[in-house]
Amino acid sequence: MADSGLSIGQVAQRTGLSVHTLRLYEREGLLASEVRRDGSGRRVYSAWDVEWLANCVKFRASGMPLTTISRLAQLVREGSGNESERLTLLREHQRHITDQLTQLHDTLELINGKVASYEQHLAAGASGDPWQQQPQPAPTEHTPQLG
């Protein structure tokens, strides 16, 4: 099958997707081209299919909904003339990822600050939780003495 394409097992191995997921992706229209079948009815994938599936894995990892991937695949299958719609889909997801990165960066700054505080706390030999306020001694009342 090397010259004529790849089996579903080979594609699963190359993409990290399960055979079940590959069948689901085909059923849901997530592939950018029709999957060919051999004389026995087995799926035969092309190098292009594997490349597209690798993109799908990255799209999913970045949070792109299956409906968006499906729409993008549909546009690719339709051929040229719809590039502006493809661009719109990708720009929308680009904005989503940019927002995610901003949130992750803010969170990383928070964690970096906490790590630095704990490192200083432990390096100083301090005990207890550095984030708990230590109770302050109650103020003593000063009563004037008569006298």
Protein backbone atom coordinates (compact mmCIF):
# COMPACT_ATOMS: atom_id res chain seq x y z
CA MET A 1 0.00 0.00 0.00
CA ALA A 2 3.06 2.27 0.15
CA ASP A 3 2.75 3.42 -3.46
CA SER A 4 -1.02 3.75 -3.46
CA GLY A 5 -1.50 5.38 -0.06
CA LEU A 6 -1.67 4.71 3.64
CA SER A 7 -3.98 2.47 5.64
CA ILE A 8 -6.05 3.84 8.50
CA GLY A 9 -3.66 2.14 10.96
CA GLN A 10 -0.64 3.81 9.39
CA VAL A 11 -2.36 7.20 9.49
CA ALA A 12 -3.35 6.65 13.13
CA GLN A 13 0.27 5.90 13.96
CA ARG A 14 1.59 8.97 12.09
CA THR A 15 -0.96 11.45 13.45
CA GLY A 16 -1.44 10.12 16.98
CA LEU A 17 -5.18 9.93 16.36
CA SER A 18 -7.03 6.71 17.07
CA VAL A 19 -8.67 4.71 14.30
CA HIS A 20 -12.00 5.57 15.91
CA THR A 21 -11.19 9.31 15.78
CA LEU A 22 -10.14 9.06 12.13
CA ARG A 23 -13.47 7.45 11.28
CA LEU A 24 -15.28 10.15 13.28
CA TYR A 25 -13.37 12.91 11.49
CA GLU A 26 -14.35 11.42 8.15
CA ARG A 27 -17.99 11.04 9.20
CA GLU A 28 -18.13 14.62 10.51
CA GLY A 29 -16.61 16.07 7.33
CA LEU A 30 -13.36 17.21 8.90
CA LEU A 31 -11.14 15.99 6.10
CA ALA A 32 -10.22 18.36 3.29
CA SER A 33 -10.64 15.66 0.65
CA GLU A 34 -12.67 12.51 0.19
CA VAL A 35 -10.93 9.44 1.54
CA ARG A 36 -10.41 6.94 -1.24
CA ARG A 37 -11.24 3.26 -0.85
CA ASP A 38 -9.34 0.32 -2.26
CA GLY A 39 -10.94 -2.61 -4.07
CA SER A 40 -11.82 -4.21 -0.74
CA GLY A 41 -13.44 -1.03 0.58
CA ARG A 42 -10.64 -0.14 2.99
CA ARG A 43 -9.75 3.49 3.44
CA VAL A 44 -6.65 4.70 1.61
CA TYR A 45 -5.17 7.99 2.80
CA SER A 46 -2.84 10.28 0.87
CA ALA A 47 0.10 12.32 2.14
CA TRP A 48 -2.17 15.37 1.81
CA ASP A 49 -4.72 13.72 4.13
CA VAL A 50 -2.00 13.11 6.74
CA GLU A 51 -0.82 16.73 6.45
CA TRP A 52 -4.39 18.00 6.84
CA LEU A 53 -4.97 15.73 9.85
CA ALA A 54 -1.77 17.04 11.46
CA ASN A 55 -3.24 20.53 11.08
CA CYS A 56 -6.52 19.32 12.60
CA VAL A 57 -4.63 17.98 15.63
CA LYS A 58 -3.07 21.42 16.13
CA PHE A 59 -6.40 23.18 15.55
CA ARG A 60 -8.04 20.99 18.21
CA ALA A 61 -5.15 21.45 20.64
CA SER A 62 -5.64 25.20 20.32
CA GLY A 63 -9.34 24.92 21.11
CA MET A 64 -10.79 25.23 17.62
CA PRO A 65 -14.29 23.72 17.66
CA LEU A 66 -15.00 20.74 15.42
CA THR A 67 -17.69 22.79 13.67
CA THR A 68 -15.08 25.37 12.64
CA ILE A 69 -12.68 22.70 11.41
CA SER A 70 -15.55 21.11 9.49
CA ARG A 71 -16.46 24.43 7.86
CA LEU A 72 -12.83 25.08 6.97
CA ALA A 73 -12.52 21.58 5.46
CA GLN A 74 -15.70 22.14 3.49
CA LEU A 75 -14.33 25.38 2.07
CA VAL A 76 -11.08 23.65 1.10
CA ARG A 77 -13.03 20.84 -0.58
CA GLU A 78 -15.04 23.42 -2.55
CA GLY A 79 -11.83 24.77 -4.07
CA SER A 80 -10.83 28.31 -4.89
CA GLY A 81 -13.06 31.31 -4.68
CA ASN A 82 -13.76 31.20 -0.94
CA GLU A 83 -10.36 32.18 0.42
CA SER A 84 -11.75 35.28 2.15
CA GLU A 85 -14.13 33.10 4.20
CA ARG A 86 -11.27 30.76 5.10
CA LEU A 87 -9.25 33.79 6.17
CA THR A 88 -12.13 35.03 8.32
CA LEU A 89 -12.37 31.68 10.13
CA LEU A 90 -8.63 31.61 10.74
CA ARG A 91 -8.51 35.23 11.91
CA GLU A 92 -11.30 34.58 14.41
CA HIS A 93 -9.38 31.64 15.83
CA GLN A 94 -6.17 33.66 15.78
CA ARG A 95 -7.87 36.26 18.01
CA HIS A 96 -9.06 33.48 20.32
CA ILE A 97 -5.53 32.10 20.65
CA THR A 98 -4.08 35.58 21.19
CA ASP A 99 -6.55 36.12 24.05
CA GLN A 100 -5.62 32.72 25.51
CA LEU A 101 -1.93 33.58 25.33
CA THR A 102 -2.54 36.88 27.12
CA GLN A 103 -4.39 35.09 29.91
CA LEU A 104 -1.69 32.43 30.15
CA HIS A 105 1.03 35.09 30.27
CA ASP A 106 -0.78 36.89 33.11
CA THR A 107 -1.14 33.61 34.98
CA LEU A 108 2.52 32.77 34.43
CA GLU A 109 3.53 36.15 35.88
CA LEU A 110 1.41 35.41 38.97
CA ILE A 111 2.97 31.96 39.39
CA ASN A 112 6.49 33.32 38.82
CA GLY A 113 5.91 35.84 41.60
CA LYS A 114 4.65 33.19 43.99
CA VAL A 115 7.56 30.87 43.17
CA ALA A 116 10.02 33.70 43.85
CA SER A 117 8.30 34.48 47.16
CA TYR A 118 8.44 30.85 48.30
CA GLU A 119 12.08 30.58 47.26
CA GLN A 120 12.95 33.70 49.29
CA HIS A 121 10.86 32.47 52.21
CA LEU A 122 12.61 29.09 52.27
CA ALA A 123 16.08 30.56 51.63
CA ALA A 124 15.61 32.82 54.66
CA GLY A 125 14.84 29.75 56.77
CA ALA A 126 11.38 31.05 57.56
CA SER A 127 8.62 28.71 58.61
CA GLY A 128 4.91 28.85 58.18
CA ASP A 129 2.87 29.94 55.25
CA PRO A 130 4.27 33.14 53.72
CA TRP A 131 0.79 34.05 52.48
CA GLN A 132 -0.91 33.86 55.88
CA GLN A 133 -0.78 37.06 57.81
CA GLN A 134 0.86 36.42 61.11
CA PRO A 135 -1.29 37.50 64.04
CA GLN A 136 -0.17 40.75 65.58
CA PRO A 137 0.04 40.97 69.36
CA ALA A 138 -2.95 42.73 70.83
CA PRO A 139 -2.17 46.33 71.67
CA THR A 140 -1.75 46.94 75.35
CA GLU A 141 -3.84 49.64 76.86
CA HIS A 142 -1.93 52.35 78.47
CA THR A 143 -3.80 53.74 81.43
CA PRO A 144 -2.43 56.84 83.01
CA GLN A 145 -1.40 56.36 86.57
CA LEU A 146 -2.81 58.72 89.07
CA GLY A 147 -0.58 59.81 91.48
